[in-house]
Amino acid sequence: MADAYNVRDLMPLYLPSGWLVVKNYFFDKDPPRSDTPLENERYFGEDLLALRYSLGEPVFTSADSAQPVYYIWLGWSPEYSVEGQYVLTAACDDEDIARFETRDRQKITRAIQYWTQLISSSEVPLREIKLTHKLFETESRDGKA
């Protein structure tokens, strides 16, 4: 199949133990340009990455467990758009707890590593964390990660 994705082109992710990769189409590709519309459609869609984490035995929904289930999703918004950017969202059960937007895939990778480590090792009750909680800040006020 000539149009198949090459897994060697995926962004390297270093995840703590316990995280389940549900979907991964997060490729090490430069942001889209107006002269590469096919690249935009292949690598810059709405659903690029989905990660899942729960303490204890793996479950499919939080209703199956007393433990919260955490998710991290990555997409490009607006989908296939030259003006788009990555949108990274963390959620606990059905409530968003953090959001980060940038065109820089390296910053997204660092945010994923930071969030997964924080969720995996935290003693803080993460379901209480709000979108503006300082634990999830990934950039300083001057824009540097």
C-alpha atoms as a PDB file:
ATOM      1  CA  MET A   1       0.000   0.000   0.000  1.00  0.00           C
ATOM      2  CA  ALA A   2       1.837   3.082  -1.262  1.00  0.00           C
ATOM      3  CA  ASP A   3      -0.131   5.620   0.815  1.00  0.00           C
ATOM      4  CA  ALA A   4       0.314   3.841   4.158  1.00  0.00           C
ATOM      5  CA  TYR A   5       1.635   5.804   7.104  1.00  0.00           C
ATOM      6  CA  ASN A   6       5.204   5.032   8.089  1.00  0.00           C
ATOM      7  CA  VAL A   7       5.396   4.410  11.844  1.00  0.00           C
ATOM      8  CA  ARG A   8       9.037   5.522  11.772  1.00  0.00           C
ATOM      9  CA  ASP A   9       7.717   9.044  11.113  1.00  0.00           C
ATOM     10  CA  LEU A  10       5.706   9.174  14.357  1.00  0.00           C
ATOM     11  CA  MET A  11       6.746  11.721  16.976  1.00  0.00           C
ATOM     12  CA  PRO A  12       8.679   9.908  19.699  1.00  0.00           C
ATOM     13  CA  LEU A  13       6.676   9.827  22.915  1.00  0.00           C
ATOM     14  CA  TYR A  14       8.069   8.722  26.255  1.00  0.00           C
ATOM     15  CA  LEU A  15       5.128   7.791  28.458  1.00  0.00           C
ATOM     16  CA  PRO A  16       5.153   6.561  32.043  1.00  0.00           C
ATOM     17  CA  SER A  17       3.985   3.037  32.725  1.00  0.00           C
ATOM     18  CA  GLY A  18       0.242   2.541  32.709  1.00  0.00           C
ATOM     19  CA  TRP A  19      -0.686   4.832  29.816  1.00  0.00           C
ATOM     20  CA  LEU A  20      -2.615   3.227  26.970  1.00  0.00           C
ATOM     21  CA  VAL A  21      -2.154   4.602  23.452  1.00  0.00           C
ATOM     22  CA  VAL A  22      -5.625   4.387  21.961  1.00  0.00           C
ATOM     23  CA  LYS A  23      -4.778   6.210  18.712  1.00  0.00           C
ATOM     24  CA  ASN A  24      -1.572   7.701  17.330  1.00  0.00           C
ATOM     25  CA  TYR A  25      -1.359   9.708  14.124  1.00  0.00           C
ATOM     26  CA  PHE A  26       0.957  12.346  15.624  1.00  0.00           C
ATOM     27  CA  PHE A  27       3.729  12.517  13.041  1.00  0.00           C
ATOM     28  CA  ASP A  28       7.019  14.381  13.044  1.00  0.00           C
ATOM     29  CA  LYS A  29       5.962  16.698  10.218  1.00  0.00           C
ATOM     30  CA  ASP A  30       6.314  20.443   9.799  1.00  0.00           C
ATOM     31  CA  PRO A  31       3.076  22.445  10.153  1.00  0.00           C
ATOM     32  CA  PRO A  32       1.033  22.640   6.958  1.00  0.00           C
ATOM     33  CA  ARG A  33       1.795  25.058   4.152  1.00  0.00           C
ATOM     34  CA  SER A  34      -0.517  26.280   1.449  1.00  0.00           C
ATOM     35  CA  ASP A  35       1.432  24.364  -1.221  1.00  0.00           C
ATOM     36  CA  THR A  36       0.998  20.938   0.473  1.00  0.00           C
ATOM     37  CA  PRO A  37      -2.757  20.324   0.795  1.00  0.00           C
ATOM     38  CA  LEU A  38      -2.392  16.526   0.736  1.00  0.00           C
ATOM     39  CA  GLU A  39       0.066  16.683   3.628  1.00  0.00           C
ATOM     40  CA  ASN A  40      -2.439  18.822   5.523  1.00  0.00           C
ATOM     41  CA  GLU A  41      -5.104  16.151   5.196  1.00  0.00           C
ATOM     42  CA  ARG A  42      -2.811  13.275   6.122  1.00  0.00           C
ATOM     43  CA  TYR A  43      -1.053  14.741   9.135  1.00  0.00           C
ATOM     44  CA  PHE A  44      -3.180  17.592  10.468  1.00  0.00           C
ATOM     45  CA  GLY A  45      -6.610  16.209  11.227  1.00  0.00           C
ATOM     46  CA  GLU A  46      -8.876  16.649  14.189  1.00  0.00           C
ATOM     47  CA  ASP A  47      -8.000  13.339  15.901  1.00  0.00           C
ATOM     48  CA  LEU A  48      -4.256  12.748  16.010  1.00  0.00           C
ATOM     49  CA  LEU A  49      -3.578  11.164  19.393  1.00  0.00           C
ATOM     50  CA  ALA A  50      -5.600   9.646  22.215  1.00  0.00           C
ATOM     51  CA  LEU A  51      -4.050   8.449  25.483  1.00  0.00           C
ATOM     52  CA  ARG A  52      -5.814   6.857  28.453  1.00  0.00           C
ATOM     53  CA  TYR A  53      -4.792   6.202  32.061  1.00  0.00           C
ATOM     54  CA  SER A  54      -6.488   4.747  35.117  1.00  0.00           C
ATOM     55  CA  LEU A  55      -5.157   3.472  38.406  1.00  0.00           C
ATOM     56  CA  GLY A  56      -5.519  -0.220  39.067  1.00  0.00           C
ATOM     57  CA  GLU A  57      -7.006  -2.615  36.549  1.00  0.00           C
ATOM     58  CA  PRO A  58      -7.620  -1.253  33.036  1.00  0.00           C
ATOM     59  CA  VAL A  59     -11.245  -0.270  32.498  1.00  0.00           C
ATOM     60  CA  PHE A  60     -13.096   1.038  29.465  1.00  0.00           C
ATOM     61  CA  THR A  61     -15.182   3.644  31.279  1.00  0.00           C
ATOM     62  CA  SER A  62     -14.940   5.326  34.642  1.00  0.00           C
ATOM     63  CA  ALA A  63     -18.339   3.796  35.493  1.00  0.00           C
ATOM     64  CA  ASP A  64     -16.535   0.427  35.684  1.00  0.00           C
ATOM     65  CA  SER A  65     -14.175   1.658  38.398  1.00  0.00           C
ATOM     66  CA  ALA A  66     -14.105   3.754  41.547  1.00  0.00           C
ATOM     67  CA  GLN A  67     -10.874   5.258  40.223  1.00  0.00           C
ATOM     68  CA  PRO A  68     -10.961   8.227  37.844  1.00  0.00           C
ATOM     69  CA  VAL A  69      -9.984   7.695  34.216  1.00  0.00           C
ATOM     70  CA  TYR A  70      -7.706  10.281  32.592  1.00  0.00           C
ATOM     71  CA  TYR A  71      -7.465  11.100  28.902  1.00  0.00           C
ATOM     72  CA  ILE A  72      -5.158  13.197  26.776  1.00  0.00           C
ATOM     73  CA  TRP A  73      -6.278  14.094  23.265  1.00  0.00           C
ATOM     74  CA  LEU A  74      -4.406  15.864  20.490  1.00  0.00           C
ATOM     75  CA  GLY A  75      -5.824  17.342  17.329  1.00  0.00           C
ATOM     76  CA  TRP A  76      -5.202  20.075  14.768  1.00  0.00           C
ATOM     77  CA  SER A  77      -7.744  22.891  14.697  1.00  0.00           C
ATOM     78  CA  PRO A  78      -9.198  23.982  12.419  1.00  0.00           C
ATOM     79  CA  GLU A  79      -8.766  20.580  10.810  1.00  0.00           C
ATOM     80  CA  TYR A  80      -6.568  20.580   7.663  1.00  0.00           C
ATOM     81  CA  SER A  81      -6.176  24.363   7.903  1.00  0.00           C
ATOM     82  CA  VAL A  82      -2.956  26.198   7.084  1.00  0.00           C
ATOM     83  CA  GLU A  83      -3.824  28.629   9.900  1.00  0.00           C
ATOM     84  CA  GLY A  84      -4.468  25.815  12.409  1.00  0.00           C
ATOM     85  CA  GLN A  85      -2.541  24.723  15.456  1.00  0.00           C
ATOM     86  CA  TYR A  86      -2.227  21.709  17.715  1.00  0.00           C
ATOM     87  CA  VAL A  87      -4.796  21.541  20.500  1.00  0.00           C
ATOM     88  CA  LEU A  88      -3.858  19.308  23.435  1.00  0.00           C
ATOM     89  CA  THR A  89      -6.527  18.551  26.033  1.00  0.00           C
ATOM     90  CA  ALA A  90      -6.348  16.608  29.295  1.00  0.00           C
ATOM     91  CA  ALA A  91      -9.520  15.339  30.931  1.00  0.00           C
ATOM     92  CA  CYS A  92     -10.523  13.463  34.033  1.00  0.00           C
ATOM     93  CA  ASP A  93     -13.560  11.320  33.298  1.00  0.00           C
ATOM     94  CA  ASP A  94     -15.769  13.705  31.308  1.00  0.00           C
ATOM     95  CA  GLU A  95     -14.349  17.012  32.560  1.00  0.00           C
ATOM     96  CA  ASP A  96     -11.542  18.913  30.808  1.00  0.00           C
ATOM     97  CA  ILE A  97      -8.772  19.803  33.248  1.00  0.00           C
ATOM     98  CA  ALA A  98      -6.158  21.357  30.949  1.00  0.00           C
ATOM     99  CA  ARG A  99      -5.717  22.713  27.432  1.00  0.00           C
ATOM    100  CA  PHE A 100      -2.639  23.797  25.502  1.00  0.00           C
ATOM    101  CA  GLU A 101      -2.428  25.205  21.960  1.00  0.00           C
ATOM    102  CA  THR A 102       0.627  25.770  19.775  1.00  0.00           C
ATOM    103  CA  ARG A 103       1.956  25.100  16.263  1.00  0.00           C
ATOM    104  CA  ASP A 104       5.200  23.709  17.721  1.00  0.00           C
ATOM    105  CA  ARG A 105       5.145  19.894  17.843  1.00  0.00           C
ATOM    106  CA  GLN A 106       8.191  19.828  20.169  1.00  0.00           C
ATOM    107  CA  LYS A 107       6.266  21.872  22.761  1.00  0.00           C
ATOM    108  CA  ILE A 108       3.321  19.500  22.383  1.00  0.00           C
ATOM    109  CA  THR A 109       5.620  16.526  22.991  1.00  0.00           C
ATOM    110  CA  ARG A 110       7.037  18.161  26.140  1.00  0.00           C
ATOM    111  CA  ALA A 111       3.518  18.964  27.386  1.00  0.00           C
ATOM    112  CA  ILE A 112       2.426  15.350  26.832  1.00  0.00           C
ATOM    113  CA  GLN A 113       5.426  14.055  28.761  1.00  0.00           C
ATOM    114  CA  TYR A 114       4.842  16.542  31.575  1.00  0.00           C
ATOM    115  CA  TRP A 115       1.099  15.872  31.856  1.00  0.00           C
ATOM    116  CA  THR A 116       1.421  12.078  31.720  1.00  0.00           C
ATOM    117  CA  GLN A 117       4.126  12.110  34.396  1.00  0.00           C
ATOM    118  CA  LEU A 118       2.110  14.483  36.565  1.00  0.00           C
ATOM    119  CA  ILE A 119      -1.052  12.400  36.310  1.00  0.00           C
ATOM    120  CA  SER A 120       0.791   9.094  36.858  1.00  0.00           C
ATOM    121  CA  SER A 121       2.690  10.197  39.942  1.00  0.00           C
ATOM    122  CA  SER A 122       0.465  12.818  41.524  1.00  0.00           C
ATOM    123  CA  GLU A 123      -0.996  12.638  44.993  1.00  0.00           C
ATOM    124  CA  VAL A 124      -3.120  15.683  44.192  1.00  0.00           C
ATOM    125  CA  PRO A 125      -6.801  14.851  43.547  1.00  0.00           C
ATOM    126  CA  LEU A 126      -6.610  15.675  39.846  1.00  0.00           C
ATOM    127  CA  ARG A 127     -10.367  15.671  39.270  1.00  0.00           C
ATOM    128  CA  GLU A 128     -10.363  18.946  41.249  1.00  0.00           C
ATOM    129  CA  ILE A 129      -7.861  20.655  38.956  1.00  0.00           C
ATOM    130  CA  LYS A 130      -9.345  23.427  36.841  1.00  0.00           C
ATOM    131  CA  LEU A 131      -8.179  24.643  33.432  1.00  0.00           C
ATOM    132  CA  THR A 132      -6.079  27.415  34.982  1.00  0.00           C
ATOM    133  CA  HIS A 133      -4.338  25.280  37.610  1.00  0.00           C
ATOM    134  CA  LYS A 134      -0.601  26.037  37.749  1.00  0.00           C
ATOM    135  CA  LEU A 135       0.333  22.323  37.700  1.00  0.00           C
ATOM    136  CA  PHE A 136      -0.635  22.187  34.049  1.00  0.00           C
ATOM    137  CA  GLU A 137       1.102  25.359  32.862  1.00  0.00           C
ATOM    138  CA  THR A 138       3.425  24.468  30.015  1.00  0.00           C
ATOM    139  CA  GLU A 139       4.654  27.915  29.027  1.00  0.00           C
ATOM    140  CA  SER A 140       5.843  30.886  30.986  1.00  0.00           C
ATOM    141  CA  ARG A 141       4.236  34.287  30.582  1.00  0.00           C
ATOM    142  CA  ASP A 142       6.884  35.334  28.022  1.00  0.00           C
ATOM    143  CA  GLY A 143       5.942  32.406  25.747  1.00  0.00           C
ATOM    144  CA  LYS A 144       9.004  30.216  26.423  1.00  0.00           C
ATOM    145  CA  ALA A 145       8.440  26.584  27.275  1.00  0.00           C
END
